[in-house]
Amino acid sequence: MKQKIGYITLIIKDYDEAITFFRDKLGFKLSEDTKIDSMKRWVLMSPENSNGTSLLLARASTPEQCNLIGNQAGGRVFLFLHTDDFWRDYKRMKKQGVVFCEHPREETYGIVAVFKDLYGNKWDLLELT
């Protein structure tokens, strides 16, 4: 049996502001934006040239969901953005105003730095060695 994780839901405040952040700041592509009803859309985004897992942007619709925006992993790194050129992407993202929580560091597994998305979820930008 062959399986893979297709989508990871990211709870957001607003579809358009999230699309703008991921497209303009991180360089993601919008692969689908379908209106489901007056309040809900099916929005998929992924890194350019990626054929892996996509983010499903889901607007919070309950108070419980609103409380999770920006803290979906309880303060830990939530998602890992792999790159083939850390310094290219780090410099581009810094120029676009992405907030990094630390200076880049070299680890035994590669070069990494933690950054925050527009709501405060922590991500690793990571070039594996």
N, C-alpha and C. Protein backbone atom coordinates (compact mmCIF):
# COMPACT_ATOMS: atom_id res chain seq x y z
N MET A 1 0.84 -1.17 0.00
CA MET A 1 0.00 0.00 0.00
C MET A 1 0.89 1.24 0.00
N LYS A 2 0.58 2.18 -0.86
CA LYS A 2 1.33 3.44 -0.94
C LYS A 2 0.46 4.56 -0.38
N GLN A 3 1.03 5.30 0.58
CA GLN A 3 0.31 6.41 1.18
C GLN A 3 1.22 7.62 1.30
N LYS A 4 0.62 8.79 1.46
CA LYS A 4 1.36 10.01 1.74
C LYS A 4 0.42 10.98 2.44
N ILE A 5 0.98 11.95 3.13
CA ILE A 5 0.17 13.01 3.72
C ILE A 5 -0.07 14.05 2.64
N GLY A 6 -1.32 14.27 2.31
CA GLY A 6 -1.67 15.17 1.23
C GLY A 6 -1.72 16.63 1.65
N TYR A 7 -2.41 16.91 2.76
CA TYR A 7 -2.61 18.28 3.22
C TYR A 7 -2.39 18.36 4.72
N ILE A 8 -1.94 19.52 5.16
CA ILE A 8 -1.89 19.85 6.59
C ILE A 8 -2.71 21.12 6.76
N THR A 9 -3.67 21.07 7.65
CA THR A 9 -4.53 22.22 7.89
C THR A 9 -3.80 23.25 8.74
N LEU A 10 -3.83 24.49 8.27
CA LEU A 10 -3.30 25.62 9.02
C LEU A 10 -4.47 26.55 9.30
N ILE A 11 -4.78 26.74 10.57
CA ILE A 11 -5.90 27.59 10.95
C ILE A 11 -5.46 29.05 10.83
N ILE A 12 -6.28 29.84 10.14
CA ILE A 12 -5.95 31.24 9.85
C ILE A 12 -7.09 32.17 10.25
N LYS A 13 -6.80 33.47 10.27
CA LYS A 13 -7.83 34.48 10.55
C LYS A 13 -8.57 34.87 9.29
N ASP A 14 -7.82 35.01 8.19
CA ASP A 14 -8.39 35.56 6.96
C ASP A 14 -7.72 34.91 5.75
N TYR A 15 -8.52 34.45 4.82
CA TYR A 15 -7.98 33.78 3.64
C TYR A 15 -7.03 34.68 2.84
N ASP A 16 -7.48 35.87 2.51
CA ASP A 16 -6.69 36.72 1.62
C ASP A 16 -5.37 37.17 2.23
N GLU A 17 -5.37 37.52 3.53
CA GLU A 17 -4.11 37.92 4.15
C GLU A 17 -3.15 36.73 4.24
N ALA A 18 -3.67 35.54 4.47
CA ALA A 18 -2.81 34.35 4.53
C ALA A 18 -2.24 34.02 3.15
N ILE A 19 -3.08 34.08 2.13
CA ILE A 19 -2.60 33.84 0.76
C ILE A 19 -1.49 34.83 0.42
N THR A 20 -1.70 36.10 0.73
CA THR A 20 -0.70 37.13 0.44
C THR A 20 0.61 36.83 1.15
N PHE A 21 0.57 36.46 2.43
CA PHE A 21 1.78 36.15 3.17
C PHE A 21 2.53 34.98 2.53
N PHE A 22 1.85 33.88 2.34
CA PHE A 22 2.53 32.69 1.83
C PHE A 22 3.03 32.88 0.40
N ARG A 23 2.29 33.61 -0.41
CA ARG A 23 2.72 33.87 -1.79
C ARG A 23 3.85 34.89 -1.84
N ASP A 24 3.66 36.03 -1.20
CA ASP A 24 4.61 37.13 -1.36
C ASP A 24 5.82 37.03 -0.44
N LYS A 25 5.66 36.53 0.76
CA LYS A 25 6.77 36.47 1.71
C LYS A 25 7.55 35.16 1.61
N LEU A 26 6.84 34.03 1.40
CA LEU A 26 7.52 32.74 1.37
C LEU A 26 7.69 32.19 -0.04
N GLY A 27 7.03 32.79 -1.03
CA GLY A 27 7.17 32.32 -2.41
C GLY A 27 6.36 31.08 -2.73
N PHE A 28 5.30 30.83 -1.96
CA PHE A 28 4.45 29.68 -2.22
C PHE A 28 3.55 29.96 -3.42
N LYS A 29 3.03 28.89 -4.00
CA LYS A 29 2.07 29.02 -5.10
C LYS A 29 0.68 28.67 -4.57
N LEU A 30 -0.29 29.33 -5.10
CA LEU A 30 -1.69 29.05 -4.79
C LEU A 30 -2.16 28.03 -5.82
N SER A 31 -2.42 26.81 -5.37
CA SER A 31 -2.82 25.78 -6.33
C SER A 31 -4.33 25.61 -6.43
N GLU A 32 -5.05 26.05 -5.39
CA GLU A 32 -6.52 26.00 -5.47
C GLU A 32 -7.13 27.00 -4.52
N ASP A 33 -8.19 27.65 -4.97
CA ASP A 33 -8.97 28.57 -4.15
C ASP A 33 -10.41 28.47 -4.62
N THR A 34 -11.16 27.59 -3.97
CA THR A 34 -12.53 27.30 -4.38
C THR A 34 -13.49 27.72 -3.28
N LYS A 35 -14.50 28.51 -3.65
CA LYS A 35 -15.51 28.94 -2.69
C LYS A 35 -16.43 27.75 -2.40
N ILE A 36 -16.61 27.46 -1.10
CA ILE A 36 -17.49 26.37 -0.68
C ILE A 36 -18.87 26.92 -0.32
N ASP A 37 -18.87 28.00 0.45
CA ASP A 37 -20.12 28.70 0.78
C ASP A 37 -19.75 30.15 1.06
N SER A 38 -20.65 30.91 1.65
CA SER A 38 -20.39 32.34 1.85
C SER A 38 -19.26 32.62 2.84
N MET A 39 -18.90 31.65 3.67
CA MET A 39 -17.87 31.85 4.68
C MET A 39 -16.63 30.97 4.49
N LYS A 40 -16.73 29.94 3.70
CA LYS A 40 -15.69 28.91 3.66
C LYS A 40 -15.13 28.75 2.24
N ARG A 41 -13.80 28.59 2.20
CA ARG A 41 -13.11 28.34 0.93
C ARG A 41 -12.17 27.15 1.11
N TRP A 42 -11.87 26.49 0.00
CA TRP A 42 -10.89 25.41 -0.03
C TRP A 42 -9.64 26.01 -0.66
N VAL A 43 -8.64 26.32 0.17
CA VAL A 43 -7.44 27.02 -0.29
C VAL A 43 -6.23 26.15 -0.03
N LEU A 44 -5.54 25.79 -1.11
CA LEU A 44 -4.33 24.98 -1.03
C LEU A 44 -3.13 25.78 -1.50
N MET A 45 -2.05 25.74 -0.72
CA MET A 45 -0.81 26.42 -1.08
C MET A 45 0.36 25.49 -0.79
N SER A 46 1.41 25.65 -1.59
CA SER A 46 2.61 24.85 -1.38
C SER A 46 3.81 25.60 -1.93
N PRO A 47 5.01 25.21 -1.49
CA PRO A 47 6.20 25.85 -2.04
C PRO A 47 6.25 25.68 -3.57
N GLU A 48 6.78 26.68 -4.23
CA GLU A 48 6.97 26.62 -5.69
C GLU A 48 7.79 25.38 -6.03
N ASN A 49 7.42 24.69 -7.07
CA ASN A 49 8.11 23.48 -7.57
C ASN A 49 8.06 22.31 -6.60
N SER A 50 7.11 22.32 -5.68
CA SER A 50 6.96 21.22 -4.73
C SER A 50 5.95 20.22 -5.27
N ASN A 51 6.20 18.96 -5.01
CA ASN A 51 5.21 17.94 -5.35
C ASN A 51 4.83 17.14 -4.10
N GLY A 52 5.02 17.75 -2.96
CA GLY A 52 4.74 17.08 -1.69
C GLY A 52 3.46 17.59 -1.05
N THR A 53 3.47 17.61 0.25
CA THR A 53 2.32 18.02 1.05
C THR A 53 1.99 19.49 0.82
N SER A 54 0.70 19.80 0.79
CA SER A 54 0.23 21.17 0.65
C SER A 54 -0.39 21.65 1.96
N LEU A 55 -0.40 22.96 2.16
CA LEU A 55 -1.13 23.55 3.28
C LEU A 55 -2.58 23.77 2.86
N LEU A 56 -3.50 23.37 3.71
CA LEU A 56 -4.90 23.71 3.54
C LEU A 56 -5.19 24.86 4.49
N LEU A 57 -5.38 26.05 3.95
CA LEU A 57 -5.66 27.22 4.78
C LEU A 57 -7.13 27.19 5.17
N ALA A 58 -7.39 27.14 6.47
CA ALA A 58 -8.75 27.01 6.97
C ALA A 58 -9.05 28.16 7.93
N ARG A 59 -10.00 29.00 7.55
CA ARG A 59 -10.36 30.14 8.40
C ARG A 59 -11.07 29.63 9.65
N ALA A 60 -10.62 30.11 10.80
CA ALA A 60 -11.24 29.72 12.07
C ALA A 60 -12.70 30.11 12.07
N SER A 61 -13.54 29.19 12.56
CA SER A 61 -14.97 29.47 12.57
C SER A 61 -15.63 29.28 13.94
N THR A 62 -14.82 28.91 14.94
CA THR A 62 -15.35 28.77 16.30
C THR A 62 -14.37 29.47 17.26
N PRO A 63 -14.83 29.79 18.45
CA PRO A 63 -13.91 30.39 19.43
C PRO A 63 -12.72 29.48 19.74
N GLU A 64 -12.95 28.18 19.80
CA GLU A 64 -11.86 27.23 20.07
C GLU A 64 -10.82 27.29 18.96
N GLN A 65 -11.26 27.35 17.72
CA GLN A 65 -10.33 27.44 16.60
C GLN A 65 -9.59 28.77 16.62
N CYS A 66 -10.28 29.85 16.94
CA CYS A 66 -9.63 31.16 17.03
C CYS A 66 -8.51 31.15 18.06
N ASN A 67 -8.71 30.43 19.15
CA ASN A 67 -7.69 30.35 20.20
C ASN A 67 -6.43 29.61 19.75
N LEU A 68 -6.54 28.81 18.71
CA LEU A 68 -5.38 28.04 18.22
C LEU A 68 -4.58 28.76 17.14
N ILE A 69 -5.10 29.84 16.61
CA ILE A 69 -4.39 30.56 15.55
C ILE A 69 -3.03 31.00 16.08
N GLY A 70 -1.98 30.62 15.38
CA GLY A 70 -0.63 31.01 15.76
C GLY A 70 0.02 30.14 16.80
N ASN A 71 -0.69 29.14 17.29
CA ASN A 71 -0.13 28.28 18.32
C ASN A 71 -0.59 26.83 18.12
N GLN A 72 -0.54 26.39 16.90
CA GLN A 72 -1.05 25.05 16.59
C GLN A 72 -0.17 23.94 17.13
N ALA A 73 1.06 24.25 17.50
CA ALA A 73 1.97 23.21 18.03
C ALA A 73 2.38 23.51 19.47
N GLY A 74 1.60 24.32 20.16
CA GLY A 74 1.89 24.59 21.57
C GLY A 74 3.20 25.30 21.80
N GLY A 75 3.62 26.15 20.85
CA GLY A 75 4.86 26.91 21.00
C GLY A 75 6.08 26.25 20.39
N ARG A 76 5.96 25.02 19.97
CA ARG A 76 7.08 24.32 19.32
C ARG A 76 7.07 24.63 17.83
N VAL A 77 8.17 24.27 17.17
CA VAL A 77 8.20 24.38 15.71
C VAL A 77 7.11 23.47 15.17
N PHE A 78 6.28 24.02 14.28
CA PHE A 78 5.12 23.30 13.75
C PHE A 78 5.41 22.68 12.38
N LEU A 79 6.05 23.45 11.51
CA LEU A 79 6.27 22.99 10.14
C LEU A 79 7.73 23.20 9.75
N PHE A 80 8.18 22.41 8.79
CA PHE A 80 9.57 22.42 8.35
C PHE A 80 9.61 22.68 6.86
N LEU A 81 10.17 23.83 6.49
CA LEU A 81 10.28 24.20 5.08
C LEU A 81 11.69 23.83 4.61
N HIS A 82 11.78 22.76 3.84
CA HIS A 82 13.07 22.32 3.31
C HIS A 82 13.42 23.13 2.07
N THR A 83 14.70 23.40 1.91
CA THR A 83 15.19 24.16 0.76
C THR A 83 16.49 23.53 0.25
N ASP A 84 16.77 23.79 -1.01
CA ASP A 84 18.04 23.32 -1.58
C ASP A 84 19.12 24.40 -1.50
N ASP A 85 18.74 25.60 -1.03
CA ASP A 85 19.70 26.70 -0.89
C ASP A 85 19.26 27.58 0.28
N PHE A 86 19.73 27.27 1.46
CA PHE A 86 19.32 27.97 2.67
C PHE A 86 19.56 29.47 2.55
N TRP A 87 20.77 29.88 2.18
CA TRP A 87 21.13 31.29 2.19
C TRP A 87 20.32 32.09 1.18
N ARG A 88 20.03 31.53 0.03
CA ARG A 88 19.18 32.22 -0.96
C ARG A 88 17.82 32.51 -0.34
N ASP A 89 17.19 31.49 0.23
CA ASP A 89 15.84 31.65 0.76
C ASP A 89 15.82 32.48 2.04
N TYR A 90 16.82 32.32 2.88
CA TYR A 90 16.91 33.11 4.10
C TYR A 90 16.99 34.60 3.76
N LYS A 91 17.88 34.95 2.85
CA LYS A 91 18.04 36.36 2.46
C LYS A 91 16.77 36.91 1.81
N ARG A 92 16.13 36.14 0.95
CA ARG A 92 14.90 36.58 0.28
C ARG A 92 13.79 36.78 1.32
N MET A 93 13.65 35.83 2.23
CA MET A 93 12.60 35.93 3.24
C MET A 93 12.84 37.11 4.18
N LYS A 94 14.09 37.33 4.60
CA LYS A 94 14.41 38.49 5.45
C LYS A 94 14.06 39.78 4.72
N LYS A 95 14.40 39.84 3.45
CA LYS A 95 14.11 41.04 2.64
C LYS A 95 12.60 41.28 2.55
N GLN A 96 11.82 40.21 2.56
CA GLN A 96 10.36 40.32 2.49
C GLN A 96 9.72 40.60 3.85
N GLY A 97 10.54 40.67 4.90
CA GLY A 97 10.03 41.01 6.23
C GLY A 97 9.63 39.82 7.09
N VAL A 98 10.01 38.62 6.68
CA VAL A 98 9.72 37.45 7.51
C VAL A 98 10.53 37.56 8.80
N VAL A 99 9.90 37.28 9.94
CA VAL A 99 10.53 37.40 11.25
C VAL A 99 11.21 36.08 11.62
N PHE A 100 12.54 36.14 11.78
CA PHE A 100 13.30 34.98 12.25
C PHE A 100 13.52 35.12 13.75
N CYS A 101 13.39 34.01 14.46
CA CYS A 101 13.50 33.99 15.92
C CYS A 101 14.93 33.80 16.38
N GLU A 102 15.82 33.50 15.47
CA GLU A 102 17.21 33.21 15.81
C GLU A 102 18.08 33.42 14.59
N HIS A 103 19.38 33.45 14.84
CA HIS A 103 20.33 33.51 13.74
C HIS A 103 20.48 32.10 13.16
N PRO A 104 20.77 32.01 11.87
CA PRO A 104 20.99 30.68 11.28
C PRO A 104 22.11 29.95 12.02
N ARG A 105 21.94 28.64 12.09
CA ARG A 105 22.95 27.82 12.76
C ARG A 105 23.21 26.55 11.96
N GLU A 106 24.43 26.08 12.07
CA GLU A 106 24.80 24.83 11.43
C GLU A 106 24.69 23.71 12.45
N GLU A 107 23.96 22.69 12.06
CA GLU A 107 23.79 21.50 12.89
C GLU A 107 24.37 20.32 12.13
N THR A 108 24.43 19.18 12.77
CA THR A 108 24.97 17.99 12.10
C THR A 108 24.13 17.58 10.90
N TYR A 109 22.86 17.94 10.92
CA TYR A 109 21.94 17.56 9.84
C TYR A 109 21.78 18.63 8.77
N GLY A 110 22.30 19.86 9.01
CA GLY A 110 22.18 20.91 8.00
C GLY A 110 22.17 22.30 8.60
N ILE A 111 21.75 23.27 7.79
CA ILE A 111 21.64 24.67 8.21
C ILE A 111 20.17 24.94 8.50
N VAL A 112 19.90 25.64 9.62
CA VAL A 112 18.53 25.84 10.05
C VAL A 112 18.36 27.17 10.75
N ALA A 113 17.18 27.74 10.65
CA ALA A 113 16.78 28.91 11.44
C ALA A 113 15.26 28.86 11.60
N VAL A 114 14.81 29.23 12.78
CA VAL A 114 13.37 29.25 13.08
C VAL A 114 12.80 30.61 12.68
N PHE A 115 11.65 30.58 12.00
CA PHE A 115 10.94 31.81 11.67
C PHE A 115 9.47 31.65 12.03
N LYS A 116 8.75 32.78 12.02
CA LYS A 116 7.32 32.76 12.33
C LYS A 116 6.51 33.12 11.10
N ASP A 117 5.35 32.48 10.98
CA ASP A 117 4.44 32.88 9.91
C ASP A 117 3.66 34.11 10.38
N LEU A 118 2.73 34.58 9.59
CA LEU A 118 2.03 35.82 9.91
C LEU A 118 1.23 35.75 11.20
N TYR A 119 0.92 34.56 11.69
CA TYR A 119 0.15 34.44 12.92
C TYR A 119 0.99 34.04 14.13
N GLY A 120 2.25 33.71 13.90
CA GLY A 120 3.14 33.36 14.99
C GLY A 120 3.52 31.89 15.10
N ASN A 121 2.94 31.03 14.24
CA ASN A 121 3.38 29.64 14.23
C ASN A 121 4.85 29.58 13.87
N LYS A 122 5.59 28.71 14.55
CA LYS A 122 7.02 28.58 14.29
C LYS A 122 7.28 27.54 13.20
N TRP A 123 8.21 27.87 12.33
CA TRP A 123 8.66 27.01 11.24
C TRP A 123 10.18 26.92 11.29
N ASP A 124 10.72 25.84 10.78
CA ASP A 124 12.15 25.75 10.50
C ASP A 124 12.36 25.96 9.01
N LEU A 125 13.28 26.84 8.66
CA LEU A 125 13.83 26.88 7.30
C LEU A 125 15.05 25.99 7.37
N LEU A 126 15.12 24.97 6.53
CA LEU A 126 16.11 23.92 6.73
C LEU A 126 16.68 23.44 5.40
N GLU A 127 18.01 23.47 5.32
CA GLU A 127 18.72 22.83 4.21
C GLU A 127 19.44 21.63 4.79
N LEU A 128 19.00 20.44 4.42
CA LEU A 128 19.61 19.22 4.92
C LEU A 128 20.94 18.97 4.21
N THR A 129 21.91 18.40 4.96
CA THR A 129 23.19 18.06 4.35
C THR A 129 23.24 16.59 4.01
